N, C-alpha and C. Protein backbone atom coordinates (compact mmCIF):
# COMPACT_ATOMS: atom_id res chain seq x y z
N UNK A 1 21.52 -8.67 -9.08
CA UNK A 1 20.48 -7.85 -8.47
C UNK A 1 20.45 -8.05 -6.96
N UNK A 2 20.19 -6.98 -6.24
CA UNK A 2 20.17 -7.02 -4.79
C UNK A 2 18.74 -7.00 -4.26
N UNK A 3 18.47 -7.72 -3.17
CA UNK A 3 17.13 -7.64 -2.57
C UNK A 3 16.81 -6.20 -2.17
N UNK A 4 15.58 -5.78 -2.43
CA UNK A 4 15.13 -4.44 -2.08
C UNK A 4 14.46 -4.46 -0.72
N UNK A 5 14.62 -3.37 0.02
CA UNK A 5 13.97 -3.26 1.32
C UNK A 5 12.47 -3.09 1.16
N UNK A 6 11.77 -3.37 2.24
CA UNK A 6 10.33 -3.13 2.34
C UNK A 6 9.50 -4.13 1.54
N UNK A 7 10.09 -5.24 1.13
CA UNK A 7 9.31 -6.29 0.50
C UNK A 7 8.95 -7.33 1.55
N UNK A 8 7.65 -7.53 1.81
CA UNK A 8 7.24 -8.38 2.92
C UNK A 8 6.66 -9.71 2.48
N UNK A 9 6.12 -9.78 1.29
CA UNK A 9 5.47 -11.01 0.83
C UNK A 9 6.23 -11.67 -0.30
N UNK A 10 6.74 -10.87 -1.22
CA UNK A 10 7.34 -11.39 -2.44
C UNK A 10 8.85 -11.18 -2.43
N UNK A 11 9.52 -11.75 -3.43
CA UNK A 11 10.95 -11.59 -3.61
C UNK A 11 11.17 -10.48 -4.63
N UNK A 12 11.64 -9.33 -4.17
CA UNK A 12 11.81 -8.17 -5.04
C UNK A 12 13.27 -7.75 -5.03
N UNK A 13 13.86 -7.68 -6.24
CA UNK A 13 15.27 -7.35 -6.38
C UNK A 13 15.45 -6.30 -7.47
N UNK A 14 16.54 -5.53 -7.37
CA UNK A 14 16.78 -4.49 -8.35
C UNK A 14 18.26 -4.22 -8.52
N UNK A 15 18.58 -3.53 -9.64
CA UNK A 15 19.96 -3.15 -9.90
C UNK A 15 20.11 -1.66 -10.14
N UNK A 16 19.07 -0.88 -9.76
CA UNK A 16 19.09 0.56 -9.97
C UNK A 16 18.46 0.99 -11.27
N UNK A 17 18.22 0.06 -12.16
CA UNK A 17 17.58 0.37 -13.43
C UNK A 17 16.31 -0.47 -13.63
N UNK A 18 16.40 -1.73 -13.27
CA UNK A 18 15.29 -2.66 -13.45
C UNK A 18 14.99 -3.32 -12.10
N UNK A 19 13.72 -3.55 -11.85
CA UNK A 19 13.26 -4.26 -10.66
C UNK A 19 12.57 -5.54 -11.12
N UNK A 20 12.91 -6.65 -10.48
CA UNK A 20 12.26 -7.93 -10.76
C UNK A 20 11.51 -8.36 -9.51
N UNK A 21 10.23 -8.54 -9.66
CA UNK A 21 9.37 -8.95 -8.55
C UNK A 21 8.86 -10.35 -8.83
N UNK A 22 9.21 -11.29 -7.94
CA UNK A 22 8.76 -12.67 -8.05
C UNK A 22 7.73 -12.93 -6.97
N UNK A 23 6.56 -13.34 -7.38
CA UNK A 23 5.44 -13.50 -6.46
C UNK A 23 5.54 -14.83 -5.73
N UNK A 24 5.39 -14.76 -4.41
CA UNK A 24 5.42 -15.95 -3.56
C UNK A 24 4.26 -15.87 -2.58
N UNK A 25 4.01 -16.95 -1.88
CA UNK A 25 2.97 -16.92 -0.88
C UNK A 25 1.61 -17.30 -1.43
N UNK A 26 0.58 -17.20 -0.59
CA UNK A 26 -0.75 -17.64 -0.99
C UNK A 26 -1.31 -16.82 -2.13
N UNK A 27 -1.98 -17.50 -3.06
CA UNK A 27 -2.67 -16.85 -4.18
C UNK A 27 -1.71 -16.05 -5.05
N UNK A 28 -0.47 -16.56 -5.21
CA UNK A 28 0.55 -15.78 -5.90
C UNK A 28 0.22 -15.52 -7.36
N UNK A 29 -0.37 -16.49 -8.06
CA UNK A 29 -0.65 -16.30 -9.49
C UNK A 29 -1.75 -15.26 -9.71
N UNK A 30 -2.73 -15.25 -8.84
CA UNK A 30 -3.79 -14.24 -8.96
C UNK A 30 -3.24 -12.85 -8.70
N UNK A 31 -2.40 -12.71 -7.67
CA UNK A 31 -1.81 -11.41 -7.36
C UNK A 31 -0.89 -10.94 -8.47
N UNK A 32 -0.15 -11.86 -9.06
CA UNK A 32 0.71 -11.52 -10.21
C UNK A 32 -0.12 -10.97 -11.37
N UNK A 33 -1.18 -11.66 -11.72
CA UNK A 33 -2.01 -11.23 -12.84
C UNK A 33 -2.68 -9.89 -12.55
N UNK A 34 -3.13 -9.70 -11.31
CA UNK A 34 -3.77 -8.44 -10.95
C UNK A 34 -2.81 -7.27 -11.12
N UNK A 35 -1.60 -7.41 -10.58
CA UNK A 35 -0.65 -6.29 -10.69
C UNK A 35 -0.24 -6.05 -12.14
N UNK A 36 -0.01 -7.11 -12.88
CA UNK A 36 0.32 -6.96 -14.31
C UNK A 36 -0.76 -6.17 -15.04
N UNK A 37 -2.00 -6.53 -14.84
CA UNK A 37 -3.09 -5.87 -15.55
C UNK A 37 -3.25 -4.42 -15.10
N UNK A 38 -3.09 -4.16 -13.79
CA UNK A 38 -3.24 -2.81 -13.30
C UNK A 38 -2.14 -1.89 -13.80
N UNK A 39 -0.92 -2.38 -13.86
CA UNK A 39 0.17 -1.54 -14.37
C UNK A 39 -0.05 -1.19 -15.83
N UNK A 40 -0.58 -2.11 -16.59
CA UNK A 40 -0.90 -1.81 -17.99
C UNK A 40 -2.03 -0.78 -18.09
N UNK A 41 -3.03 -0.93 -17.24
CA UNK A 41 -4.18 -0.03 -17.27
C UNK A 41 -3.80 1.40 -16.86
N UNK A 42 -2.91 1.52 -15.88
CA UNK A 42 -2.63 2.82 -15.28
C UNK A 42 -1.40 3.52 -15.86
N UNK A 43 -0.74 2.89 -16.79
CA UNK A 43 0.45 3.50 -17.40
C UNK A 43 0.09 4.86 -18.00
N UNK A 44 0.85 5.89 -17.61
CA UNK A 44 0.61 7.23 -18.10
C UNK A 44 -0.47 7.99 -17.36
N UNK A 45 -1.18 7.33 -16.46
CA UNK A 45 -2.26 7.98 -15.71
C UNK A 45 -1.88 8.25 -14.26
N UNK A 46 -1.05 7.37 -13.71
CA UNK A 46 -0.58 7.50 -12.34
C UNK A 46 0.92 7.19 -12.32
N UNK A 47 1.63 7.63 -11.29
CA UNK A 47 3.07 7.37 -11.23
C UNK A 47 3.35 5.92 -10.84
N UNK A 48 3.30 5.03 -11.81
CA UNK A 48 3.54 3.60 -11.58
C UNK A 48 4.75 3.17 -12.38
N UNK A 49 5.41 2.09 -11.99
CA UNK A 49 6.53 1.59 -12.78
C UNK A 49 6.07 1.17 -14.16
N UNK A 50 6.96 1.31 -15.12
CA UNK A 50 6.68 0.81 -16.47
C UNK A 50 6.90 -0.70 -16.47
N UNK A 51 5.92 -1.42 -16.99
CA UNK A 51 6.01 -2.88 -17.07
C UNK A 51 6.82 -3.25 -18.31
N UNK A 52 7.97 -3.86 -18.10
CA UNK A 52 8.84 -4.24 -19.21
C UNK A 52 8.47 -5.61 -19.76
N UNK A 53 8.19 -6.55 -18.87
CA UNK A 53 7.74 -7.88 -19.28
C UNK A 53 7.11 -8.55 -18.07
N UNK A 54 6.37 -9.63 -18.36
CA UNK A 54 5.64 -10.30 -17.28
C UNK A 54 5.63 -11.80 -17.48
N UNK A 55 6.80 -12.46 -17.45
CA UNK A 55 6.79 -13.93 -17.48
C UNK A 55 6.01 -14.46 -16.28
N UNK A 56 5.43 -15.62 -16.44
CA UNK A 56 4.53 -16.16 -15.41
C UNK A 56 5.16 -16.10 -14.03
N UNK A 57 4.47 -15.41 -13.12
CA UNK A 57 4.92 -15.33 -11.75
C UNK A 57 5.92 -14.22 -11.47
N UNK A 58 6.31 -13.46 -12.50
CA UNK A 58 7.28 -12.40 -12.32
C UNK A 58 6.82 -11.13 -13.04
N UNK A 59 7.29 -10.00 -12.53
CA UNK A 59 7.14 -8.72 -13.22
C UNK A 59 8.52 -8.09 -13.32
N UNK A 60 8.87 -7.63 -14.52
CA UNK A 60 10.10 -6.90 -14.75
C UNK A 60 9.70 -5.44 -14.98
N UNK A 61 10.18 -4.55 -14.12
CA UNK A 61 9.70 -3.18 -14.06
C UNK A 61 10.85 -2.20 -14.12
N UNK A 62 10.53 -0.97 -14.55
CA UNK A 62 11.53 0.09 -14.46
C UNK A 62 11.69 0.52 -13.01
N UNK A 63 12.90 0.90 -12.66
CA UNK A 63 13.17 1.44 -11.34
C UNK A 63 12.65 2.87 -11.26
N UNK A 64 11.97 3.22 -10.18
CA UNK A 64 11.47 4.57 -9.97
C UNK A 64 12.33 5.27 -8.91
N UNK A 65 12.59 6.55 -9.13
CA UNK A 65 13.32 7.32 -8.16
C UNK A 65 12.44 7.75 -7.00
N UNK A 66 13.07 8.13 -5.91
CA UNK A 66 12.33 8.58 -4.74
C UNK A 66 12.73 7.79 -3.51
N UNK A 67 12.24 8.27 -2.37
CA UNK A 67 12.53 7.65 -1.07
C UNK A 67 11.24 7.02 -0.54
N UNK A 68 11.39 5.85 0.04
CA UNK A 68 10.24 5.12 0.56
C UNK A 68 9.53 5.95 1.64
N UNK A 69 8.20 5.94 1.59
CA UNK A 69 7.41 6.76 2.50
C UNK A 69 7.67 6.47 3.96
N UNK A 70 7.84 5.21 4.31
CA UNK A 70 8.07 4.88 5.72
C UNK A 70 9.43 5.36 6.20
N UNK A 71 10.41 5.38 5.31
CA UNK A 71 11.71 5.92 5.69
C UNK A 71 11.61 7.42 5.97
N UNK A 72 10.83 8.14 5.17
CA UNK A 72 10.66 9.57 5.40
C UNK A 72 9.89 9.84 6.70
N UNK A 73 8.92 9.00 7.00
CA UNK A 73 8.21 9.15 8.28
C UNK A 73 9.18 8.94 9.44
N UNK A 74 10.00 7.91 9.34
CA UNK A 74 10.98 7.64 10.39
C UNK A 74 11.98 8.78 10.53
N UNK A 75 12.20 9.52 9.44
CA UNK A 75 13.13 10.64 9.46
C UNK A 75 12.49 11.93 9.95
N UNK A 76 11.21 11.87 10.35
CA UNK A 76 10.56 13.04 10.91
C UNK A 76 9.69 13.83 9.96
N UNK A 77 9.30 13.24 8.83
CA UNK A 77 8.54 13.97 7.82
C UNK A 77 7.12 13.42 7.66
N UNK A 78 6.52 12.94 8.74
CA UNK A 78 5.20 12.32 8.65
C UNK A 78 4.16 13.26 8.07
N UNK A 79 4.15 14.52 8.50
CA UNK A 79 3.12 15.46 8.04
C UNK A 79 3.08 15.61 6.54
N UNK A 80 4.16 16.04 5.89
CA UNK A 80 4.11 16.21 4.43
C UNK A 80 3.93 14.90 3.68
N UNK A 81 4.46 13.81 4.21
CA UNK A 81 4.26 12.52 3.54
C UNK A 81 2.78 12.17 3.52
N UNK A 82 2.11 12.31 4.66
CA UNK A 82 0.70 11.93 4.73
C UNK A 82 -0.19 12.90 3.98
N UNK A 83 0.19 14.16 3.93
CA UNK A 83 -0.59 15.11 3.11
C UNK A 83 -0.53 14.70 1.65
N UNK A 84 0.65 14.30 1.18
CA UNK A 84 0.77 13.85 -0.21
C UNK A 84 0.00 12.56 -0.44
N UNK A 85 0.02 11.66 0.55
CA UNK A 85 -0.75 10.43 0.42
C UNK A 85 -2.24 10.73 0.29
N UNK A 86 -2.73 11.67 1.07
CA UNK A 86 -4.14 12.04 0.97
C UNK A 86 -4.49 12.64 -0.36
N UNK A 87 -3.63 13.53 -0.86
CA UNK A 87 -3.89 14.15 -2.16
C UNK A 87 -3.89 13.12 -3.28
N UNK A 88 -3.02 12.10 -3.17
CA UNK A 88 -2.96 11.08 -4.21
C UNK A 88 -4.22 10.25 -4.26
N UNK A 89 -4.92 10.09 -3.14
CA UNK A 89 -6.16 9.32 -3.16
C UNK A 89 -7.16 9.95 -4.12
N UNK A 90 -7.16 11.28 -4.22
CA UNK A 90 -8.05 11.92 -5.19
C UNK A 90 -7.73 11.46 -6.62
N UNK A 91 -6.46 11.26 -6.91
CA UNK A 91 -6.08 10.78 -8.24
C UNK A 91 -6.46 9.31 -8.43
N UNK A 92 -6.38 8.54 -7.38
CA UNK A 92 -6.85 7.15 -7.47
C UNK A 92 -8.33 7.11 -7.78
N UNK A 93 -9.09 7.98 -7.13
CA UNK A 93 -10.53 8.04 -7.38
C UNK A 93 -10.80 8.43 -8.82
N UNK A 94 -10.07 9.42 -9.32
CA UNK A 94 -10.26 9.87 -10.70
C UNK A 94 -9.93 8.76 -11.70
N UNK A 95 -9.00 7.88 -11.33
CA UNK A 95 -8.65 6.76 -12.20
C UNK A 95 -9.57 5.55 -11.99
N UNK A 96 -10.54 5.68 -11.07
CA UNK A 96 -11.52 4.63 -10.78
C UNK A 96 -10.83 3.35 -10.32
N UNK A 97 -9.88 3.51 -9.39
CA UNK A 97 -9.14 2.33 -8.92
C UNK A 97 -8.94 2.42 -7.42
N UNK A 98 -9.08 1.26 -6.76
CA UNK A 98 -8.73 1.10 -5.36
C UNK A 98 -7.44 0.31 -5.30
N UNK A 99 -6.40 0.87 -4.65
CA UNK A 99 -5.10 0.22 -4.61
C UNK A 99 -5.12 -1.05 -3.78
N UNK A 100 -5.77 -1.01 -2.63
CA UNK A 100 -5.93 -2.20 -1.82
C UNK A 100 -4.87 -2.40 -0.74
N UNK A 101 -3.74 -1.71 -0.85
CA UNK A 101 -2.71 -1.76 0.19
C UNK A 101 -1.99 -0.42 0.20
N UNK A 102 -2.79 0.63 0.23
CA UNK A 102 -2.26 1.98 0.04
C UNK A 102 -1.77 2.58 1.34
N UNK A 103 -0.67 3.26 1.23
CA UNK A 103 -0.13 3.97 2.39
C UNK A 103 1.34 4.28 2.18
N UNK A 104 2.00 4.82 3.19
CA UNK A 104 3.42 5.15 3.07
C UNK A 104 4.28 3.91 2.84
N UNK A 105 3.74 2.73 3.11
CA UNK A 105 4.45 1.49 2.84
C UNK A 105 4.61 1.20 1.37
N UNK A 106 3.81 1.82 0.52
CA UNK A 106 3.85 1.52 -0.91
C UNK A 106 3.95 2.76 -1.79
N UNK A 107 4.55 3.82 -1.27
CA UNK A 107 4.79 4.99 -2.11
C UNK A 107 6.25 5.42 -1.99
N UNK A 108 6.74 6.01 -3.07
CA UNK A 108 8.03 6.69 -3.10
C UNK A 108 7.77 8.17 -3.25
N UNK A 109 8.60 8.98 -2.61
CA UNK A 109 8.41 10.43 -2.66
C UNK A 109 9.73 11.14 -2.92
N UNK A 110 9.61 12.32 -3.54
CA UNK A 110 10.76 13.20 -3.67
C UNK A 110 11.09 13.72 -2.27
N UNK A 111 12.33 13.52 -1.80
CA UNK A 111 12.64 13.92 -0.42
C UNK A 111 12.66 15.42 -0.20
N UNK A 112 12.70 16.19 -1.28
CA UNK A 112 12.69 17.64 -1.14
C UNK A 112 11.30 18.23 -1.14
N UNK A 113 10.48 17.80 -2.11
CA UNK A 113 9.13 18.36 -2.25
C UNK A 113 8.07 17.49 -1.58
N UNK A 114 8.40 16.24 -1.30
CA UNK A 114 7.47 15.26 -0.75
C UNK A 114 6.33 14.93 -1.71
N UNK A 115 6.52 15.21 -2.98
CA UNK A 115 5.56 14.75 -3.98
C UNK A 115 5.78 13.27 -4.24
N UNK A 116 4.70 12.55 -4.47
CA UNK A 116 4.80 11.12 -4.73
C UNK A 116 5.34 10.87 -6.12
N UNK A 117 6.41 10.11 -6.19
CA UNK A 117 7.04 9.79 -7.47
C UNK A 117 6.71 8.38 -7.94
N UNK A 118 6.15 7.57 -7.06
CA UNK A 118 5.81 6.21 -7.45
C UNK A 118 4.85 5.57 -6.48
N UNK A 119 3.90 4.81 -7.01
CA UNK A 119 3.00 3.97 -6.21
C UNK A 119 3.30 2.54 -6.59
N UNK A 120 3.61 1.72 -5.60
CA UNK A 120 4.09 0.37 -5.82
C UNK A 120 3.07 -0.68 -5.39
N UNK A 121 3.31 -1.91 -5.81
CA UNK A 121 2.60 -3.10 -5.30
C UNK A 121 1.09 -3.02 -5.49
N UNK A 122 0.69 -3.27 -6.71
CA UNK A 122 -0.72 -3.20 -7.11
C UNK A 122 -1.41 -4.56 -7.08
N UNK A 123 -0.86 -5.52 -6.37
CA UNK A 123 -1.38 -6.88 -6.43
C UNK A 123 -2.74 -7.06 -5.78
N UNK A 124 -3.17 -6.09 -4.96
CA UNK A 124 -4.47 -6.18 -4.30
C UNK A 124 -5.49 -5.23 -4.93
N UNK A 125 -5.13 -4.60 -6.02
CA UNK A 125 -5.96 -3.53 -6.59
C UNK A 125 -7.18 -4.08 -7.33
N UNK A 126 -8.12 -3.19 -7.54
CA UNK A 126 -9.30 -3.53 -8.34
C UNK A 126 -9.91 -2.24 -8.85
N UNK A 127 -10.67 -2.37 -9.92
CA UNK A 127 -11.41 -1.22 -10.43
C UNK A 127 -12.58 -0.94 -9.50
N UNK A 128 -12.96 0.33 -9.46
CA UNK A 128 -14.04 0.75 -8.57
C UNK A 128 -13.44 1.40 -7.35
N UNK A 129 -13.47 2.72 -7.32
CA UNK A 129 -12.76 3.45 -6.27
C UNK A 129 -13.71 3.90 -5.17
N UNK A 130 -13.51 3.36 -4.00
CA UNK A 130 -14.14 3.88 -2.79
C UNK A 130 -13.02 4.50 -1.98
N UNK A 131 -12.93 5.82 -1.94
CA UNK A 131 -11.76 6.46 -1.32
C UNK A 131 -11.57 6.09 0.13
N UNK A 132 -12.65 5.73 0.84
CA UNK A 132 -12.49 5.42 2.26
C UNK A 132 -11.58 4.21 2.45
N UNK A 133 -11.56 3.28 1.50
CA UNK A 133 -10.75 2.08 1.68
C UNK A 133 -9.25 2.42 1.70
N UNK A 134 -8.79 3.17 0.72
CA UNK A 134 -7.37 3.50 0.68
C UNK A 134 -6.99 4.50 1.77
N UNK A 135 -7.86 5.45 2.06
CA UNK A 135 -7.60 6.36 3.17
C UNK A 135 -7.50 5.61 4.49
N UNK A 136 -8.45 4.70 4.71
CA UNK A 136 -8.48 3.96 5.97
C UNK A 136 -7.25 3.07 6.11
N UNK A 137 -6.83 2.46 5.02
CA UNK A 137 -5.67 1.57 5.12
C UNK A 137 -4.39 2.36 5.34
N UNK A 138 -4.30 3.53 4.74
CA UNK A 138 -3.17 4.41 5.01
C UNK A 138 -3.13 4.76 6.50
N UNK A 139 -4.27 5.07 7.06
CA UNK A 139 -4.35 5.34 8.50
C UNK A 139 -3.95 4.12 9.31
N UNK A 140 -4.39 2.94 8.88
CA UNK A 140 -4.07 1.70 9.58
C UNK A 140 -2.56 1.46 9.60
N UNK A 141 -1.91 1.69 8.48
CA UNK A 141 -0.46 1.50 8.40
C UNK A 141 0.23 2.41 9.41
N UNK A 142 -0.21 3.67 9.48
CA UNK A 142 0.43 4.61 10.40
C UNK A 142 0.18 4.20 11.85
N UNK A 143 -1.07 3.90 12.18
CA UNK A 143 -1.39 3.55 13.56
C UNK A 143 -0.72 2.25 13.99
N UNK A 144 -0.49 1.34 13.04
CA UNK A 144 0.12 0.05 13.36
C UNK A 144 1.64 0.13 13.41
N UNK A 145 2.25 0.78 12.43
CA UNK A 145 3.70 0.74 12.28
C UNK A 145 4.41 2.02 12.72
N UNK A 146 3.66 3.11 12.85
CA UNK A 146 4.24 4.38 13.28
C UNK A 146 3.33 5.05 14.31
N UNK A 147 3.01 4.37 15.40
CA UNK A 147 2.02 4.91 16.34
C UNK A 147 2.42 6.26 16.92
N UNK A 148 3.69 6.54 17.01
CA UNK A 148 4.13 7.82 17.53
C UNK A 148 3.84 8.99 16.60
N UNK A 149 3.49 8.68 15.36
CA UNK A 149 3.18 9.72 14.38
C UNK A 149 1.70 9.80 14.07
N UNK A 150 0.88 9.13 14.87
CA UNK A 150 -0.55 9.10 14.59
C UNK A 150 -1.18 10.50 14.60
N UNK A 151 -0.59 11.42 15.35
CA UNK A 151 -1.13 12.77 15.36
C UNK A 151 -1.03 13.46 14.02
N UNK A 152 -0.13 13.00 13.16
CA UNK A 152 0.03 13.59 11.83
C UNK A 152 -1.04 13.13 10.86
N UNK A 153 -1.93 12.22 11.27
CA UNK A 153 -2.98 11.76 10.37
C UNK A 153 -3.93 12.87 9.97
N UNK A 154 -3.98 13.96 10.73
CA UNK A 154 -4.80 15.10 10.29
C UNK A 154 -4.34 15.59 8.92
N UNK A 155 -3.04 15.44 8.63
CA UNK A 155 -2.51 15.86 7.33
C UNK A 155 -3.00 14.95 6.21
N UNK A 156 -3.20 13.68 6.49
CA UNK A 156 -3.74 12.76 5.49
C UNK A 156 -5.10 13.25 5.01
N UNK A 157 -5.96 13.58 5.95
CA UNK A 157 -7.31 13.99 5.58
C UNK A 157 -7.32 15.41 5.01
N UNK A 158 -6.39 16.24 5.46
CA UNK A 158 -6.27 17.57 4.86
C UNK A 158 -5.87 17.46 3.40
N UNK A 159 -4.94 16.54 3.11
CA UNK A 159 -4.52 16.35 1.72
C UNK A 159 -5.64 15.83 0.85
N UNK A 160 -6.47 14.94 1.42
CA UNK A 160 -7.60 14.41 0.66
C UNK A 160 -8.71 15.43 0.53
N UNK A 161 -8.93 16.23 1.54
CA UNK A 161 -9.96 17.26 1.49
C UNK A 161 -11.13 17.03 2.41
N UNK A 162 -11.19 15.89 3.08
CA UNK A 162 -12.25 15.62 4.04
C UNK A 162 -11.83 14.44 4.91
N UNK A 163 -12.54 14.26 6.00
CA UNK A 163 -12.26 13.15 6.93
C UNK A 163 -13.51 12.29 7.01
N UNK A 164 -13.53 11.14 6.32
CA UNK A 164 -14.71 10.27 6.40
C UNK A 164 -14.98 9.86 7.84
N UNK A 165 -16.24 9.60 8.17
CA UNK A 165 -16.59 9.23 9.55
C UNK A 165 -15.81 8.01 10.03
N UNK A 166 -15.48 8.02 11.33
CA UNK A 166 -14.72 6.92 11.90
C UNK A 166 -15.37 5.55 11.69
N UNK A 167 -16.68 5.39 11.86
CA UNK A 167 -17.25 4.04 11.65
C UNK A 167 -16.97 3.50 10.25
N UNK A 168 -17.00 4.35 9.23
CA UNK A 168 -16.69 3.88 7.87
C UNK A 168 -15.23 3.50 7.75
N UNK A 169 -14.35 4.30 8.33
CA UNK A 169 -12.92 4.01 8.24
C UNK A 169 -12.58 2.72 8.98
N UNK A 170 -13.10 2.57 10.19
CA UNK A 170 -12.81 1.36 10.94
C UNK A 170 -13.38 0.13 10.25
N UNK A 171 -14.57 0.24 9.69
CA UNK A 171 -15.16 -0.89 8.97
C UNK A 171 -14.28 -1.32 7.80
N UNK A 172 -13.71 -0.34 7.09
CA UNK A 172 -12.83 -0.65 5.96
C UNK A 172 -11.56 -1.33 6.45
N UNK A 173 -11.01 -0.87 7.57
CA UNK A 173 -9.81 -1.51 8.13
C UNK A 173 -10.10 -2.95 8.53
N UNK A 174 -11.22 -3.16 9.20
CA UNK A 174 -11.57 -4.50 9.65
C UNK A 174 -11.81 -5.44 8.46
N UNK A 175 -12.43 -4.93 7.42
CA UNK A 175 -12.67 -5.76 6.23
C UNK A 175 -11.36 -6.21 5.61
N UNK A 176 -10.38 -5.30 5.53
CA UNK A 176 -9.08 -5.67 4.97
C UNK A 176 -8.39 -6.68 5.87
N UNK A 177 -8.43 -6.50 7.17
CA UNK A 177 -7.82 -7.46 8.08
C UNK A 177 -8.46 -8.84 7.92
N UNK A 178 -9.77 -8.88 7.78
CA UNK A 178 -10.46 -10.17 7.60
C UNK A 178 -10.05 -10.82 6.28
N UNK A 179 -9.90 -10.02 5.24
CA UNK A 179 -9.46 -10.57 3.95
C UNK A 179 -8.08 -11.19 4.07
N UNK A 180 -7.17 -10.51 4.75
CA UNK A 180 -5.82 -11.02 4.91
C UNK A 180 -5.82 -12.26 5.79
N UNK A 181 -6.66 -12.27 6.80
CA UNK A 181 -6.76 -13.43 7.68
C UNK A 181 -7.26 -14.64 6.89
N UNK A 182 -8.25 -14.43 6.04
CA UNK A 182 -8.79 -15.53 5.22
C UNK A 182 -7.73 -16.07 4.27
N UNK A 183 -6.93 -15.18 3.72
CA UNK A 183 -5.88 -15.61 2.80
C UNK A 183 -4.84 -16.46 3.53
N UNK A 184 -4.43 -16.02 4.71
CA UNK A 184 -3.44 -16.77 5.46
C UNK A 184 -4.00 -18.09 5.98
N UNK A 185 -5.31 -18.16 6.17
CA UNK A 185 -5.92 -19.38 6.67
C UNK A 185 -5.67 -20.56 5.72
N UNK A 186 -5.46 -20.25 4.45
CA UNK A 186 -5.20 -21.32 3.48
C UNK A 186 -3.89 -22.05 3.79
N UNK A 187 -3.01 -21.42 4.58
CA UNK A 187 -1.74 -22.05 4.94
C UNK A 187 -1.81 -22.79 6.26
N UNK A 188 -2.96 -22.70 6.94
CA UNK A 188 -3.12 -23.40 8.21
C UNK A 188 -3.10 -22.46 9.39
N UNK A 189 -3.76 -22.85 10.45
CA UNK A 189 -3.90 -21.98 11.61
C UNK A 189 -2.59 -21.79 12.36
N UNK A 190 -1.61 -22.66 12.13
CA UNK A 190 -0.32 -22.51 12.80
C UNK A 190 0.61 -21.55 12.05
N UNK A 191 0.20 -21.09 10.88
CA UNK A 191 1.01 -20.16 10.10
C UNK A 191 1.22 -18.86 10.88
N UNK A 192 2.47 -18.41 11.05
CA UNK A 192 2.70 -17.16 11.80
C UNK A 192 1.95 -15.97 11.22
N UNK A 193 1.80 -15.93 9.90
CA UNK A 193 1.05 -14.83 9.28
C UNK A 193 -0.40 -14.83 9.69
N UNK A 194 -0.99 -16.02 9.83
CA UNK A 194 -2.36 -16.10 10.29
C UNK A 194 -2.48 -15.54 11.69
N UNK A 195 -1.55 -15.91 12.54
CA UNK A 195 -1.60 -15.44 13.92
C UNK A 195 -1.42 -13.93 14.01
N UNK A 196 -0.55 -13.37 13.16
CA UNK A 196 -0.35 -11.91 13.17
C UNK A 196 -1.61 -11.18 12.74
N UNK A 197 -2.28 -11.69 11.71
CA UNK A 197 -3.49 -11.02 11.24
C UNK A 197 -4.65 -11.22 12.21
N UNK A 198 -4.66 -12.34 12.89
CA UNK A 198 -5.68 -12.55 13.92
C UNK A 198 -5.53 -11.51 15.02
N UNK A 199 -4.28 -11.24 15.42
CA UNK A 199 -4.03 -10.23 16.43
C UNK A 199 -4.34 -8.83 15.90
N UNK A 200 -3.98 -8.59 14.63
CA UNK A 200 -4.26 -7.29 14.03
C UNK A 200 -5.75 -7.00 14.00
N UNK A 201 -6.55 -8.03 13.72
CA UNK A 201 -8.01 -7.86 13.69
C UNK A 201 -8.52 -7.48 15.07
N UNK A 202 -8.04 -8.15 16.11
CA UNK A 202 -8.48 -7.83 17.47
C UNK A 202 -8.06 -6.41 17.86
N UNK A 203 -6.84 -6.05 17.53
CA UNK A 203 -6.34 -4.72 17.87
C UNK A 203 -7.16 -3.63 17.18
N UNK A 204 -7.39 -3.81 15.89
CA UNK A 204 -8.12 -2.82 15.11
C UNK A 204 -9.56 -2.66 15.61
N UNK A 205 -10.17 -3.76 16.01
CA UNK A 205 -11.53 -3.72 16.53
C UNK A 205 -11.63 -2.89 17.81
N UNK A 206 -10.52 -2.79 18.54
CA UNK A 206 -10.52 -2.04 19.79
C UNK A 206 -10.16 -0.57 19.66
N UNK A 207 -9.80 -0.14 18.45
CA UNK A 207 -9.43 1.27 18.26
C UNK A 207 -10.65 2.18 18.34
N UNK A 208 -10.40 3.43 18.68
CA UNK A 208 -11.40 4.49 18.62
C UNK A 208 -10.83 5.64 17.79
N UNK A 209 -11.67 6.58 17.48
CA UNK A 209 -11.23 7.76 16.72
C UNK A 209 -10.14 8.49 17.48
N UNK A 210 -9.13 8.93 16.77
CA UNK A 210 -8.06 9.70 17.40
C UNK A 210 -8.49 11.13 17.62
């Protein structure tokens, strides 16, 4: 099996048919159990990988077709990618689930139609859908990692059907940054991840509505 791109926290490998995700880092067992349970809950309801088995600390999943959302944004397709991301939030709400790390970083899309073929990495998910959280984090991903495409965020809200007020969106972004900062704090203040999230919190606090 070969390491898969776009894995930032865990060890994720695949062979084109099966994906094996090994959880590493802080709170790994809790994140493993959360994703395992969510994939079982959402099977057949949302485009998620089929869970083949879940030995402690690992998930064995079916491989999903499609192109990673961030790759499509880099290729010049930010508008249709974000419109599809916004439309998918309505389905998350209908399923009564908050993904917790939603955005082009965790979706696969058909490169022709830009329909979402897979939603990945459910380790931060929980029941109870507040759409502003996933919408806001999708916006955060774009503003942080694709700042040149921030103008395409109008498509995100068009796909969802409305644009929640900026104070609500920013508050949701800041709450997520604080959660990640608290998690990294368990590794010590010298941890590079802690320092990155500390900077991310300061940066996000200084943003204004686009």
